[in-house]
C-alpha atoms as a PDB file:
ATOM      1  CA  MET A   1      20.855 -32.963 -23.379  1.00  0.00           C
ATOM      2  CA  MET A   2      17.189 -32.557 -22.450  1.00  0.00           C
ATOM      3  CA  GLU A   3      17.364 -35.611 -20.159  1.00  0.00           C
ATOM      4  CA  LEU A   4      20.371 -34.206 -18.308  1.00  0.00           C
ATOM      5  CA  LYS A   5      18.560 -30.916 -17.724  1.00  0.00           C
ATOM      6  CA  SER A   6      15.476 -32.688 -16.332  1.00  0.00           C
ATOM      7  CA  VAL A   7      17.636 -34.863 -14.035  1.00  0.00           C
ATOM      8  CA  ILE A   8      19.437 -31.785 -12.717  1.00  0.00           C
ATOM      9  CA  LEU A   9      16.161 -29.986 -12.106  1.00  0.00           C
ATOM     10  CA  LYS A  10      14.701 -32.999 -10.280  1.00  0.00           C
ATOM     11  CA  LYS A  11      17.758 -33.353  -8.044  1.00  0.00           C
ATOM     12  CA  ALA A  12      18.059 -29.652  -7.283  1.00  0.00           C
ATOM     13  CA  LYS A  13      16.545 -28.766  -3.972  1.00  0.00           C
ATOM     14  CA  MET A  14      14.242 -25.992  -4.999  1.00  0.00           C
ATOM     15  CA  PRO A  15      12.676 -24.021  -2.177  1.00  0.00           C
ATOM     16  CA  LYS A  16       8.924 -24.347  -2.026  1.00  0.00           C
ATOM     17  CA  TYR A  17       7.010 -21.106  -1.823  1.00  0.00           C
ATOM     18  CA  PRO A  18       3.358 -21.943  -1.396  1.00  0.00           C
ATOM     19  CA  ASP A  19       0.934 -19.626  -3.128  1.00  0.00           C
ATOM     20  CA  ASN A  20      -1.403 -18.976  -0.228  1.00  0.00           C
ATOM     21  CA  GLY A  21      -3.301 -16.388  -2.192  1.00  0.00           C
ATOM     22  CA  CYS A  22      -3.966 -12.736  -1.648  1.00  0.00           C
ATOM     23  CA  LYS A  23      -6.413 -11.528   0.998  1.00  0.00           C
ATOM     24  CA  GLU A  24      -6.874  -8.168  -0.739  1.00  0.00           C
ATOM     25  CA  ALA A  25      -7.709  -9.681  -4.141  1.00  0.00           C
ATOM     26  CA  THR A  26      -9.971 -12.254  -2.499  1.00  0.00           C
ATOM     27  CA  LYS A  27     -11.924  -9.445  -0.788  1.00  0.00           C
ATOM     28  CA  LEU A  28     -12.365  -7.581  -4.084  1.00  0.00           C
ATOM     29  CA  GLN A  29     -13.286 -10.643  -6.116  1.00  0.00           C
ATOM     30  CA  GLY A  30     -15.360 -12.398  -3.494  1.00  0.00           C
ATOM     31  CA  SER A  31     -13.586 -15.692  -4.179  1.00  0.00           C
ATOM     32  CA  PRO A  32     -10.121 -17.098  -3.389  1.00  0.00           C
ATOM     33  CA  SER A  33      -7.400 -15.557  -5.551  1.00  0.00           C
ATOM     34  CA  LEU A  34      -3.918 -17.015  -6.024  1.00  0.00           C
ATOM     35  CA  CYS A  35      -0.988 -14.686  -6.726  1.00  0.00           C
ATOM     36  CA  LEU A  36       0.019 -16.569  -9.853  1.00  0.00           C
ATOM     37  CA  GLU A  37      -3.524 -16.353 -11.217  1.00  0.00           C
ATOM     38  CA  CYS A  38      -4.189 -12.750 -10.181  1.00  0.00           C
ATOM     39  CA  PRO A  39      -6.407 -10.840 -12.613  1.00  0.00           C
ATOM     40  CA  PHE A  40      -5.164  -7.435 -11.502  1.00  0.00           C
ATOM     41  CA  PRO A  41      -2.447  -5.692 -13.531  1.00  0.00           C
ATOM     42  CA  GLU A  42      -0.680  -4.404 -10.399  1.00  0.00           C
ATOM     43  CA  CYS A  43      -0.143  -6.212  -7.123  1.00  0.00           C
ATOM     44  CA  ILE A  44      -2.892  -5.199  -4.717  1.00  0.00           C
ATOM     45  CA  LYS A  45      -0.705  -6.076  -1.724  1.00  0.00           C
ATOM     46  CA  ILE A  46       1.783  -3.418  -2.798  1.00  0.00           C
ATOM     47  CA  ILE A  47      -0.935  -0.872  -3.541  1.00  0.00           C
ATOM     48  CA  SER A  48      -2.601  -1.625  -0.207  1.00  0.00           C
ATOM     49  CA  SER A  49       0.717  -1.150   1.587  1.00  0.00           C
ATOM     50  CA  CYS A  50       1.290   2.200  -0.141  1.00  0.00           C
ATOM     51  CA  ARG A  51      -2.197   3.370   0.795  1.00  0.00           C
ATOM     52  CA  HIS A  52      -1.588   2.358   4.403  1.00  0.00           C
ATOM     53  CA  GLN A  53       1.671   4.327   4.493  1.00  0.00           C
ATOM     54  CA  ALA A  54      -0.024   7.368   2.937  1.00  0.00           C
ATOM     55  CA  LYS A  55      -2.828   7.151   5.492  1.00  0.00           C
ATOM     56  CA  GLU A  56      -0.302   7.067   8.362  1.00  0.00           C
ATOM     57  CA  ARG A  57       1.553  10.037   6.852  1.00  0.00           C
ATOM     58  CA  ASP A  58      -1.681  12.001   6.480  1.00  0.00           C
ATOM     59  CA  GLU A  59      -2.609  11.272  10.101  1.00  0.00           C
ATOM     60  CA  GLN A  60       0.819  12.549  11.164  1.00  0.00           C
ATOM     61  CA  ILE A  61       0.309  15.723   9.095  1.00  0.00           C
ATOM     62  CA  VAL A  62      -3.051  16.359  10.758  1.00  0.00           C
ATOM     63  CA  ARG A  63      -1.539  15.729  14.219  1.00  0.00           C
ATOM     64  CA  LEU A  64       1.215  18.271  13.569  1.00  0.00           C
ATOM     65  CA  GLY A  65      -1.378  20.725  12.256  1.00  0.00           C
ATOM     66  CA  LYS A  66      -3.346  20.379  15.493  1.00  0.00           C
ATOM     67  CA  GLU A  67      -0.131  21.123  17.393  1.00  0.00           C
ATOM     68  CA  GLY A  68      -0.015  24.499  15.635  1.00  0.00           C
ATOM     69  CA  LEU A  69       2.405  23.926  12.758  1.00  0.00           C
ATOM     70  CA  ASN A  70       1.476  25.392   9.384  1.00  0.00           C
ATOM     71  CA  ALA A  71       1.761  23.582   6.029  1.00  0.00           C
ATOM     72  CA  PRO A  72       5.316  24.769   5.144  1.00  0.00           C
ATOM     73  CA  GLU A  73       6.586  23.855   8.622  1.00  0.00           C
ATOM     74  CA  ILE A  74       4.998  20.398   8.494  1.00  0.00           C
ATOM     75  CA  ALA A  75       6.415  19.828   5.014  1.00  0.00           C
ATOM     76  CA  LYS A  76       9.881  20.718   6.239  1.00  0.00           C
ATOM     77  CA  VAL A  77       9.652  18.474   9.318  1.00  0.00           C
ATOM     78  CA  LEU A  78       8.363  15.461   7.365  1.00  0.00           C
ATOM     79  CA  ARG A  79      10.465  16.177   4.273  1.00  0.00           C
ATOM     80  CA  ILE A  80       7.484  16.160   1.943  1.00  0.00           C
ATOM     81  CA  SER A  81       6.047  18.736  -0.429  1.00  0.00           C
ATOM     82  CA  GLU A  82       3.863  21.580   0.790  1.00  0.00           C
ATOM     83  CA  GLY A  83       1.230  20.433  -1.702  1.00  0.00           C
ATOM     84  CA  THR A  84       1.015  17.006  -0.038  1.00  0.00           C
ATOM     85  CA  THR A  85       0.737  18.706   3.333  1.00  0.00           C
ATOM     86  CA  ARG A  86      -2.001  21.080   2.185  1.00  0.00           C
ATOM     87  CA  ARG A  87      -3.946  18.238   0.533  1.00  0.00           C
ATOM     88  CA  ALA A  88      -3.947  16.182   3.755  1.00  0.00           C
ATOM     89  CA  LEU A  89      -4.993  19.189   5.848  1.00  0.00           C
ATOM     90  CA  ASN A  90      -7.725  20.160   3.349  1.00  0.00           C
ATOM     91  CA  ASP A  91      -9.019  16.584   3.136  1.00  0.00           C
ATOM     92  CA  LYS A  92      -9.269  16.448   6.918  1.00  0.00           C
ATOM     93  CA  ALA A  93     -11.017  19.826   7.085  1.00  0.00           C
ATOM     94  CA  ARG A  94     -13.440  18.755   4.338  1.00  0.00           C
ATOM     95  CA  SER A  95     -14.286  15.468   6.085  1.00  0.00           C
ATOM     96  CA  CYS A  96     -14.853  17.313   9.391  1.00  0.00           C
ATOM     97  CA  SER A  97     -17.232  19.808   7.754  1.00  0.00           C
ATOM     98  CA  GLN A  98     -19.177  16.982   6.073  1.00  0.00           C
ATOM     99  CA  GLN A  99     -19.565  15.197   9.420  1.00  0.00           C
ATOM    100  CA  LYS A 100     -21.098  18.339  10.955  1.00  0.00           C
ATOM    101  CA  GLU A 101     -23.801  18.537   8.246  1.00  0.00           C
END
């Protein structure tokens, strides 16, 4: 039975997905990092993507704020919570005040 299974597996045309590594993990570790040997408990590519999306959303919130919309209006337009909107606006205000110092 074991021989039959190995013959079937050898004959099956399995797609080859090369593990080209992870740029994000390589940056953090300082050495090449393969996905299958990743030391991180969560995928950094996914986390990095989420951070990028959050950054874009925050930039959009700030843009709408500059156009004169208040936090509840921005939240309604973007379909996000008012708390998220206020946090992005406060973070931007805080970073602007620190740059002036």
